[in-house]
Amino acid sequence: KLLDARLQRLTWTPAALDDGTKLRYGLGWFVERHAGGTRVFHRGDTSGFSNFIVKYPERKQTLIVLTNRRGGAATDLATTIMRLPSFRAAAG
C-alpha cells in the first residue's frame, strides 16, 4: 500500500472553502455519494491518451480504463462497463 488508512481517507474527503462550502474534490479525487456508498474517481486526457479511474471503497471495487489514443472516450467506456450486470453483481 502506498498510503496508510488515515491518509487514504484524507485523500477521499471533500475539501471545504473558507466559508464552509463543501467541494466535490478531495486530494486528487472527485468524491460523491453513489448508490448508497462513496464513489471516488479521477479522469484526464491529453494529446494521445485518455483515462478514467473509479473506486467504490466500501465495495472494494476499482475500475481503470486507459486508452492510448486521442478521443479514447475512457469515461464512456467505464460507464458502459459499470452498467454491465457482471460488474454490478461483483459489487455484491
PDB file of N, CA and C in Angstrom:
ATOM      1  N   LYS A   1       0.843  -1.183   0.000  1.00  0.00           N
ATOM      2  CA  LYS A   1       0.000   0.000   0.000  1.00  0.00           C
ATOM      3  C   LYS A   1       0.880   1.234   0.000  1.00  0.00           C
ATOM      4  N   LEU A   2       0.440   2.228  -0.753  1.00  0.00           N
ATOM      5  CA  LEU A   2       1.178   3.480  -0.806  1.00  0.00           C
ATOM      6  C   LEU A   2       0.843   4.404   0.361  1.00  0.00           C
ATOM      7  N   LEU A   3      -0.402   4.369   0.807  1.00  0.00           N
ATOM      8  CA  LEU A   3      -0.846   5.234   1.891  1.00  0.00           C
ATOM      9  C   LEU A   3      -1.472   4.419   2.999  1.00  0.00           C
ATOM     10  N   ASP A   4      -1.282   4.863   4.234  1.00  0.00           N
ATOM     11  CA  ASP A   4      -1.979   4.184   5.322  1.00  0.00           C
ATOM     12  C   ASP A   4      -3.457   4.609   5.291  1.00  0.00           C
ATOM     13  N   ALA A   5      -4.288   3.941   6.077  1.00  0.00           N
ATOM     14  CA  ALA A   5      -5.734   4.158   6.026  1.00  0.00           C
ATOM     15  C   ALA A   5      -6.105   5.610   6.332  1.00  0.00           C
ATOM     16  N   ARG A   6      -5.423   6.241   7.263  1.00  0.00           N
ATOM     17  CA  ARG A   6      -5.733   7.628   7.622  1.00  0.00           C
ATOM     18  C   ARG A   6      -5.492   8.572   6.444  1.00  0.00           C
ATOM     19  N   LEU A   7      -4.350   8.430   5.781  1.00  0.00           N
ATOM     20  CA  LEU A   7      -4.054   9.289   4.635  1.00  0.00           C
ATOM     21  C   LEU A   7      -4.969   8.995   3.454  1.00  0.00           C
ATOM     22  N   GLN A   8      -5.319   7.732   3.289  1.00  0.00           N
ATOM     23  CA  GLN A   8      -6.234   7.375   2.206  1.00  0.00           C
ATOM     24  C   GLN A   8      -7.594   8.033   2.427  1.00  0.00           C
ATOM     25  N   ARG A   9      -8.105   8.002   3.663  1.00  0.00           N
ATOM     26  CA  ARG A   9      -9.381   8.660   3.971  1.00  0.00           C
ATOM     27  C   ARG A   9      -9.289  10.166   3.695  1.00  0.00           C
ATOM     28  N   LEU A  10      -8.142  10.762   4.025  1.00  0.00           N
ATOM     29  CA  LEU A  10      -7.950  12.189   3.797  1.00  0.00           C
ATOM     30  C   LEU A  10      -8.035  12.532   2.304  1.00  0.00           C
ATOM     31  N   THR A  11      -7.441  11.706   1.452  1.00  0.00           N
ATOM     32  CA  THR A  11      -7.487  11.979   0.012  1.00  0.00           C
ATOM     33  C   THR A  11      -8.907  11.873  -0.531  1.00  0.00           C
ATOM     34  N   TRP A  12      -9.750  11.076   0.116  1.00  0.00           N
ATOM     35  CA  TRP A  12     -11.119  10.877  -0.332  1.00  0.00           C
ATOM     36  C   TRP A  12     -12.122  11.709   0.457  1.00  0.00           C
ATOM     37  N   THR A  13     -11.649  12.716   1.176  1.00  0.00           N
ATOM     38  CA  THR A  13     -12.532  13.610   1.923  1.00  0.00           C
ATOM     39  C   THR A  13     -12.673  14.909   1.145  1.00  0.00           C
ATOM     40  N   PRO A  14     -13.910  15.289   0.804  1.00  0.00           N
ATOM     41  CA  PRO A  14     -14.091  16.529   0.050  1.00  0.00           C
ATOM     42  C   PRO A  14     -13.543  17.730   0.816  1.00  0.00           C
ATOM     43  N   ALA A  15     -12.907  18.619   0.103  1.00  0.00           N
ATOM     44  CA  ALA A  15     -12.373  19.838   0.693  1.00  0.00           C
ATOM     45  C   ALA A  15     -13.508  20.822   0.956  1.00  0.00           C
ATOM     46  N   ALA A  16     -13.226  21.822   1.775  1.00  0.00           N
ATOM     47  CA  ALA A  16     -14.197  22.886   2.045  1.00  0.00           C
ATOM     48  C   ALA A  16     -13.512  24.235   1.873  1.00  0.00           C
ATOM     49  N   LEU A  17     -14.269  25.194   1.383  1.00  0.00           N
ATOM     50  CA  LEU A  17     -13.769  26.549   1.245  1.00  0.00           C
ATOM     51  C   LEU A  17     -13.787  27.240   2.606  1.00  0.00           C
ATOM     52  N   ASP A  18     -13.147  28.380   2.696  1.00  0.00           N
ATOM     53  CA  ASP A  18     -13.097  29.124   3.955  1.00  0.00           C
ATOM     54  C   ASP A  18     -14.487  29.469   4.478  1.00  0.00           C
ATOM     55  N   ASP A  19     -15.468  29.650   3.572  1.00  0.00           N
ATOM     56  CA  ASP A  19     -16.830  29.982   4.011  1.00  0.00           C
ATOM     57  C   ASP A  19     -17.650  28.749   4.382  1.00  0.00           C
ATOM     58  N   GLY A  20     -17.003  27.561   4.331  1.00  0.00           N
ATOM     59  CA  GLY A  20     -17.683  26.319   4.703  1.00  0.00           C
ATOM     60  C   GLY A  20     -18.306  25.566   3.547  1.00  0.00           C
ATOM     61  N   THR A  21     -18.321  26.145   2.357  1.00  0.00           N
ATOM     62  CA  THR A  21     -18.881  25.473   1.187  1.00  0.00           C
ATOM     63  C   THR A  21     -18.081  24.207   0.893  1.00  0.00           C
ATOM     64  N   LYS A  22     -18.796  23.073   0.832  1.00  0.00           N
ATOM     65  CA  LYS A  22     -18.133  21.797   0.539  1.00  0.00           C
ATOM     66  C   LYS A  22     -17.933  21.646  -0.962  1.00  0.00           C
ATOM     67  N   LEU A  23     -16.770  21.123  -1.317  1.00  0.00           N
ATOM     68  CA  LEU A  23     -16.460  20.836  -2.711  1.00  0.00           C
ATOM     69  C   LEU A  23     -16.655  19.357  -2.985  1.00  0.00           C
ATOM     70  N   ARG A  24     -16.669  18.966  -4.257  1.00  0.00           N
ATOM     71  CA  ARG A  24     -16.763  17.549  -4.632  1.00  0.00           C
ATOM     72  C   ARG A  24     -15.378  16.971  -4.873  1.00  0.00           C
ATOM     73  N   TYR A  25     -14.338  17.630  -4.407  1.00  0.00           N
ATOM     74  CA  TYR A  25     -12.978  17.225  -4.733  1.00  0.00           C
ATOM     75  C   TYR A  25     -12.155  17.082  -3.466  1.00  0.00           C
ATOM     76  N   GLY A  26     -11.457  15.956  -3.362  1.00  0.00           N
ATOM     77  CA  GLY A  26     -10.525  15.748  -2.266  1.00  0.00           C
ATOM     78  C   GLY A  26      -9.119  16.060  -2.746  1.00  0.00           C
ATOM     79  N   LEU A  27      -8.167  15.254  -2.352  1.00  0.00           N
ATOM     80  CA  LEU A  27      -6.781  15.443  -2.789  1.00  0.00           C
ATOM     81  C   LEU A  27      -6.532  14.589  -4.024  1.00  0.00           C
ATOM     82  N   GLY A  28      -6.910  15.119  -5.179  1.00  0.00           N
ATOM     83  CA  GLY A  28      -6.702  14.406  -6.438  1.00  0.00           C
ATOM     84  C   GLY A  28      -7.863  13.522  -6.871  1.00  0.00           C
ATOM     85  N   TRP A  29      -8.906  13.446  -6.074  1.00  0.00           N
ATOM     86  CA  TRP A  29     -10.051  12.597  -6.381  1.00  0.00           C
ATOM     87  C   TRP A  29     -11.347  13.396  -6.288  1.00  0.00           C
ATOM     88  N   PHE A  30     -12.241  13.183  -7.250  1.00  0.00           N
ATOM     89  CA  PHE A  30     -13.609  13.673  -7.120  1.00  0.00           C
ATOM     90  C   PHE A  30     -14.316  12.698  -6.187  1.00  0.00           C
ATOM     91  N   VAL A  31     -15.153  13.212  -5.315  1.00  0.00           N
ATOM     92  CA  VAL A  31     -15.810  12.389  -4.298  1.00  0.00           C
ATOM     93  C   VAL A  31     -17.309  12.652  -4.353  1.00  0.00           C
ATOM     94  N   GLU A  32     -18.101  11.569  -4.397  1.00  0.00           N
ATOM     95  CA  GLU A  32     -19.549  11.736  -4.394  1.00  0.00           C
ATOM     96  C   GLU A  32     -20.223  10.518  -3.790  1.00  0.00           C
ATOM     97  N   ARG A  33     -21.442  10.733  -3.315  1.00  0.00           N
ATOM     98  CA  ARG A  33     -22.274   9.627  -2.840  1.00  0.00           C
ATOM     99  C   ARG A  33     -22.910   8.996  -4.074  1.00  0.00           C
ATOM    100  N   HIS A  34     -22.916   7.670  -4.109  1.00  0.00           N
ATOM    101  CA  HIS A  34     -23.456   6.983  -5.274  1.00  0.00           C
ATOM    102  C   HIS A  34     -23.956   5.613  -4.852  1.00  0.00           C
ATOM    103  N   ALA A  35     -25.194   5.324  -5.165  1.00  0.00           N
ATOM    104  CA  ALA A  35     -25.792   4.007  -4.889  1.00  0.00           C
ATOM    105  C   ALA A  35     -25.578   3.584  -3.439  1.00  0.00           C
ATOM    106  N   GLY A  36     -25.809   4.509  -2.516  1.00  0.00           N
ATOM    107  CA  GLY A  36     -25.716   4.182  -1.103  1.00  0.00           C
ATOM    108  C   GLY A  36     -24.310   4.106  -0.549  1.00  0.00           C
ATOM    109  N   GLY A  37     -23.327   4.479  -1.324  1.00  0.00           N
ATOM    110  CA  GLY A  37     -21.945   4.430  -0.845  1.00  0.00           C
ATOM    111  C   GLY A  37     -21.152   5.595  -1.408  1.00  0.00           C
ATOM    112  N   THR A  38     -19.858   5.485  -1.288  1.00  0.00           N
ATOM    113  CA  THR A  38     -18.964   6.517  -1.791  1.00  0.00           C
ATOM    114  C   THR A  38     -18.362   6.074  -3.111  1.00  0.00           C
ATOM    115  N   ARG A  39     -18.282   7.013  -4.037  1.00  0.00           N
ATOM    116  CA  ARG A  39     -17.582   6.766  -5.298  1.00  0.00           C
ATOM    117  C   ARG A  39     -16.520   7.856  -5.422  1.00  0.00           C
ATOM    118  N   VAL A  40     -15.280   7.437  -5.664  1.00  0.00           N
ATOM    119  CA  VAL A  40     -14.200   8.390  -5.900  1.00  0.00           C
ATOM    120  C   VAL A  40     -13.655   8.114  -7.293  1.00  0.00           C
ATOM    121  N   PHE A  41     -13.319   9.191  -8.010  1.00  0.00           N
ATOM    122  CA  PHE A  41     -12.852   8.984  -9.377  1.00  0.00           C
ATOM    123  C   PHE A  41     -11.943  10.125  -9.812  1.00  0.00           C
ATOM    124  N   HIS A  42     -11.205   9.836 -10.853  1.00  0.00           N
ATOM    125  CA  HIS A  42     -10.374  10.841 -11.493  1.00  0.00           C
ATOM    126  C   HIS A  42     -10.294  10.495 -12.968  1.00  0.00           C
ATOM    127  N   ARG A  43     -10.324  11.523 -13.777  1.00  0.00           N
ATOM    128  CA  ARG A  43     -10.229  11.312 -15.223  1.00  0.00           C
ATOM    129  C   ARG A  43      -9.312  12.368 -15.800  1.00  0.00           C
ATOM    130  N   GLY A  44      -8.811  12.075 -16.966  1.00  0.00           N
ATOM    131  CA  GLY A  44      -7.960  13.056 -17.607  1.00  0.00           C
ATOM    132  C   GLY A  44      -7.631  12.646 -19.019  1.00  0.00           C
ATOM    133  N   ASP A  45      -7.169  13.611 -19.774  1.00  0.00           N
ATOM    134  CA  ASP A  45      -6.718  13.313 -21.126  1.00  0.00           C
ATOM    135  C   ASP A  45      -5.753  14.399 -21.560  1.00  0.00           C
ATOM    136  N   THR A  46      -4.967  14.060 -22.505  1.00  0.00           N
ATOM    137  CA  THR A  46      -4.049  14.983 -23.141  1.00  0.00           C
ATOM    138  C   THR A  46      -3.763  14.429 -24.523  1.00  0.00           C
ATOM    139  N   SER A  47      -2.911  15.052 -25.240  1.00  0.00           N
ATOM    140  CA  SER A  47      -2.614  14.610 -26.592  1.00  0.00           C
ATOM    141  C   SER A  47      -2.147  13.153 -26.589  1.00  0.00           C
ATOM    142  N   GLY A  48      -2.977  12.283 -27.107  1.00  0.00           N
ATOM    143  CA  GLY A  48      -2.572  10.894 -27.270  1.00  0.00           C
ATOM    144  C   GLY A  48      -3.113   9.899 -26.259  1.00  0.00           C
ATOM    145  N   PHE A  49      -3.787  10.341 -25.195  1.00  0.00           N
ATOM    146  CA  PHE A  49      -4.357   9.345 -24.286  1.00  0.00           C
ATOM    147  C   PHE A  49      -5.513   9.937 -23.495  1.00  0.00           C
ATOM    148  N   SER A  50      -6.347   9.047 -22.955  1.00  0.00           N
ATOM    149  CA  SER A  50      -7.393   9.437 -22.009  1.00  0.00           C
ATOM    150  C   SER A  50      -7.515   8.321 -20.979  1.00  0.00           C
ATOM    151  N   ASN A  51      -7.944   8.682 -19.767  1.00  0.00           N
ATOM    152  CA  ASN A  51      -8.063   7.679 -18.713  1.00  0.00           C
ATOM    153  C   ASN A  51      -9.226   8.012 -17.799  1.00  0.00           C
ATOM    154  N   PHE A  52      -9.692   6.991 -17.109  1.00  0.00           N
ATOM    155  CA  PHE A  52     -10.739   7.145 -16.095  1.00  0.00           C
ATOM    156  C   PHE A  52     -10.497   6.071 -15.046  1.00  0.00           C
ATOM    157  N   ILE A  53     -10.436   6.489 -13.798  1.00  0.00           N
ATOM    158  CA  ILE A  53     -10.259   5.570 -12.673  1.00  0.00           C
ATOM    159  C   ILE A  53     -11.401   5.834 -11.705  1.00  0.00           C
ATOM    160  N   VAL A  54     -12.119   4.795 -11.341  1.00  0.00           N
ATOM    161  CA  VAL A  54     -13.213   4.937 -10.388  1.00  0.00           C
ATOM    162  C   VAL A  54     -13.065   3.853  -9.323  1.00  0.00           C
ATOM    163  N   LYS A  55     -13.307   4.249  -8.069  1.00  0.00           N
ATOM    164  CA  LYS A  55     -13.223   3.325  -6.943  1.00  0.00           C
ATOM    165  C   LYS A  55     -14.503   3.419  -6.122  1.00  0.00           C
ATOM    166  N   TYR A  56     -14.948   2.285  -5.651  1.00  0.00           N
ATOM    167  CA  TYR A  56     -16.044   2.187  -4.701  1.00  0.00           C
ATOM    168  C   TYR A  56     -15.440   1.578  -3.440  1.00  0.00           C
ATOM    169  N   PRO A  57     -14.920   2.394  -2.528  1.00  0.00           N
ATOM    170  CA  PRO A  57     -14.156   1.869  -1.386  1.00  0.00           C
ATOM    171  C   PRO A  57     -14.913   0.854  -0.536  1.00  0.00           C
ATOM    172  N   GLU A  58     -16.195   1.113  -0.246  1.00  0.00           N
ATOM    173  CA  GLU A  58     -16.940   0.175   0.610  1.00  0.00           C
ATOM    174  C   GLU A  58     -17.106  -1.180  -0.055  1.00  0.00           C
ATOM    175  N   ARG A  59     -17.178  -1.199  -1.376  1.00  0.00           N
ATOM    176  CA  ARG A  59     -17.351  -2.451  -2.119  1.00  0.00           C
ATOM    177  C   ARG A  59     -16.017  -3.086  -2.491  1.00  0.00           C
ATOM    178  N   LYS A  60     -14.923  -2.363  -2.197  1.00  0.00           N
ATOM    179  CA  LYS A  60     -13.580  -2.832  -2.564  1.00  0.00           C
ATOM    180  C   LYS A  60     -13.522  -3.145  -4.062  1.00  0.00           C
ATOM    181  N   GLN A  61     -14.051  -2.203  -4.849  1.00  0.00           N
ATOM    182  CA  GLN A  61     -14.150  -2.386  -6.290  1.00  0.00           C
ATOM    183  C   GLN A  61     -13.500  -1.184  -6.982  1.00  0.00           C
ATOM    184  N   THR A  62     -12.667  -1.473  -7.975  1.00  0.00           N
ATOM    185  CA  THR A  62     -11.967  -0.441  -8.735  1.00  0.00           C
ATOM    186  C   THR A  62     -12.034  -0.787 -10.210  1.00  0.00           C
ATOM    187  N   LEU A  63     -12.228   0.246 -11.030  1.00  0.00           N
ATOM    188  CA  LEU A  63     -12.214   0.075 -12.475  1.00  0.00           C
ATOM    189  C   LEU A  63     -11.274   1.128 -13.049  1.00  0.00           C
ATOM    190  N   ILE A  64     -10.357   0.696 -13.883  1.00  0.00           N
ATOM    191  CA  ILE A  64      -9.400   1.590 -14.516  1.00  0.00           C
ATOM    192  C   ILE A  64      -9.484   1.381 -16.024  1.00  0.00           C
ATOM    193  N   VAL A  65      -9.711   2.462 -16.752  1.00  0.00           N
ATOM    194  CA  VAL A  65      -9.725   2.417 -18.215  1.00  0.00           C
ATOM    195  C   VAL A  65      -8.644   3.374 -18.707  1.00  0.00           C
ATOM    196  N   LEU A  66      -7.700   2.834 -19.462  1.00  0.00           N
ATOM    197  CA  LEU A  66      -6.624   3.622 -20.050  1.00  0.00           C
ATOM    198  C   LEU A  66      -6.679   3.458 -21.558  1.00  0.00           C
ATOM    199  N   THR A  67      -6.587   4.544 -22.273  1.00  0.00           N
ATOM    200  CA  THR A  67      -6.529   4.452 -23.727  1.00  0.00           C
ATOM    201  C   THR A  67      -5.285   5.179 -24.215  1.00  0.00           C
ATOM    202  N   ASN A  68      -4.801   4.785 -25.348  1.00  0.00           N
ATOM    203  CA  ASN A  68      -3.626   5.451 -25.908  1.00  0.00           C
ATOM    204  C   ASN A  68      -3.965   6.082 -27.256  1.00  0.00           C
ATOM    205  N   ARG A  69      -5.084   6.765 -27.262  1.00  0.00           N
ATOM    206  CA  ARG A  69      -5.477   7.460 -28.481  1.00  0.00           C
ATOM    207  C   ARG A  69      -6.256   8.714 -28.118  1.00  0.00           C
ATOM    208  N   ARG A  70      -6.140   9.701 -28.935  1.00  0.00           N
ATOM    209  CA  ARG A  70      -6.898  10.939 -28.724  1.00  0.00           C
ATOM    210  C   ARG A  70      -8.381  10.622 -28.861  1.00  0.00           C
ATOM    211  N   GLY A  71      -9.179  11.146 -27.949  1.00  0.00           N
ATOM    212  CA  GLY A  71     -10.615  10.894 -28.014  1.00  0.00           C
ATOM    213  C   GLY A  71     -10.960   9.461 -27.682  1.00  0.00           C
ATOM    214  N   GLY A  72     -10.187   8.830 -26.809  1.00  0.00           N
ATOM    215  CA  GLY A  72     -10.397   7.432 -26.468  1.00  0.00           C
ATOM    216  C   GLY A  72     -11.661   7.147 -25.690  1.00  0.00           C
ATOM    217  N   ALA A  73     -12.341   8.193 -25.202  1.00  0.00           N
ATOM    218  CA  ALA A  73     -13.634   8.043 -24.514  1.00  0.00           C
ATOM    219  C   ALA A  73     -13.561   7.111 -23.311  1.00  0.00           C
ATOM    220  N   ALA A  74     -12.515   7.250 -22.509  1.00  0.00           N
ATOM    221  CA  ALA A  74     -12.343   6.369 -21.353  1.00  0.00           C
ATOM    222  C   ALA A  74     -13.515   6.456 -20.386  1.00  0.00           C
ATOM    223  N   THR A  75     -14.057   7.653 -20.159  1.00  0.00           N
ATOM    224  CA  THR A  75     -15.191   7.806 -19.243  1.00  0.00           C
ATOM    225  C   THR A  75     -16.413   7.075 -19.778  1.00  0.00           C
ATOM    226  N   ASP A  76     -16.675   7.194 -21.065  1.00  0.00           N
ATOM    227  CA  ASP A  76     -17.812   6.492 -21.668  1.00  0.00           C
ATOM    228  C   ASP A  76     -17.636   4.973 -21.575  1.00  0.00           C
ATOM    229  N   LEU A  77     -16.435   4.495 -21.835  1.00  0.00           N
ATOM    230  CA  LEU A  77     -16.162   3.054 -21.719  1.00  0.00           C
ATOM    231  C   LEU A  77     -16.374   2.572 -20.290  1.00  0.00           C
ATOM    232  N   ALA A  78     -15.878   3.334 -19.332  1.00  0.00           N
ATOM    233  CA  ALA A  78     -16.039   2.952 -17.920  1.00  0.00           C
ATOM    234  C   ALA A  78     -17.510   2.922 -17.530  1.00  0.00           C
ATOM    235  N   THR A  79     -18.267   3.913 -17.966  1.00  0.00           N
ATOM    236  CA  THR A  79     -19.701   3.959 -17.659  1.00  0.00           C
ATOM    237  C   THR A  79     -20.414   2.739 -18.232  1.00  0.00           C
ATOM    238  N   THR A  80     -20.081   2.353 -19.445  1.00  0.00           N
ATOM    239  CA  THR A  80     -20.672   1.158 -20.062  1.00  0.00           C
ATOM    240  C   THR A  80     -20.331  -0.090 -19.256  1.00  0.00           C
ATOM    241  N   ILE A  81     -19.087  -0.227 -18.853  1.00  0.00           N
ATOM    242  CA  ILE A  81     -18.663  -1.393 -18.066  1.00  0.00           C
ATOM    243  C   ILE A  81     -19.375  -1.420 -16.719  1.00  0.00           C
ATOM    244  N   MET A  82     -19.491  -0.268 -16.052  1.00  0.00           N
ATOM    245  CA  MET A  82     -20.134  -0.223 -14.736  1.00  0.00           C
ATOM    246  C   MET A  82     -21.612  -0.579 -14.803  1.00  0.00           C
ATOM    247  N   ARG A  83     -22.225  -0.453 -15.984  1.00  0.00           N
ATOM    248  CA  ARG A  83     -23.638  -0.816 -16.145  1.00  0.00           C
ATOM    249  C   ARG A  83     -23.845  -2.301 -16.441  1.00  0.00           C
ATOM    250  N   LEU A  84     -22.781  -3.009 -16.739  1.00  0.00           N
ATOM    251  CA  LEU A  84     -22.899  -4.439 -17.038  1.00  0.00           C
ATOM    252  C   LEU A  84     -23.358  -5.203 -15.800  1.00  0.00           C
ATOM    253  N   PRO A  85     -24.264  -6.160 -15.981  1.00  0.00           N
ATOM    254  CA  PRO A  85     -24.722  -6.947 -14.834  1.00  0.00           C
ATOM    255  C   PRO A  85     -23.571  -7.619 -14.080  1.00  0.00           C
ATOM    256  N   SER A  86     -22.552  -8.081 -14.792  1.00  0.00           N
ATOM    257  CA  SER A  86     -21.446  -8.767 -14.119  1.00  0.00           C
ATOM    258  C   SER A  86     -20.652  -7.819 -13.223  1.00  0.00           C
ATOM    259  N   PHE A  87     -20.514  -6.552 -13.604  1.00  0.00           N
ATOM    260  CA  PHE A  87     -19.821  -5.575 -12.760  1.00  0.00           C
ATOM    261  C   PHE A  87     -20.665  -5.280 -11.531  1.00  0.00           C
ATOM    262  N   ARG A  88     -21.955  -5.068 -11.733  1.00  0.00           N
ATOM    263  CA  ARG A  88     -22.822  -4.769 -10.598  1.00  0.00           C
ATOM    264  C   ARG A  88     -22.952  -5.960  -9.680  1.00  0.00           C
ATOM    265  N   ALA A  89     -22.962  -7.177 -10.233  1.00  0.00           N
ATOM    266  CA  ALA A  89     -23.049  -8.386  -9.404  1.00  0.00           C
ATOM    267  C   ALA A  89     -21.803  -8.558  -8.559  1.00  0.00           C
ATOM    268  N   ALA A  90     -20.658  -8.184  -9.107  1.00  0.00           N
ATOM    269  CA  ALA A  90     -19.410  -8.290  -8.358  1.00  0.00           C
ATOM    270  C   ALA A  90     -19.408  -7.365  -7.149  1.00  0.00           C
ATOM    271  N   ALA A  91     -20.256  -6.328  -7.205  1.00  0.00           N
ATOM    272  CA  ALA A  91     -20.345  -5.388  -6.087  1.00  0.00           C
ATOM    273  C   ALA A  91     -21.058  -6.028  -4.906  1.00  0.00           C
ATOM    274  N   GLY A  92     -21.766  -7.135  -5.173  1.00  0.00           N
ATOM    275  CA  GLY A  92     -22.372  -7.918  -4.137  1.00  0.00           C
ATOM    276  C   GLY A  92     -23.635  -7.399  -3.607  1.00  0.00           C
TER     277      GLY A  92
END
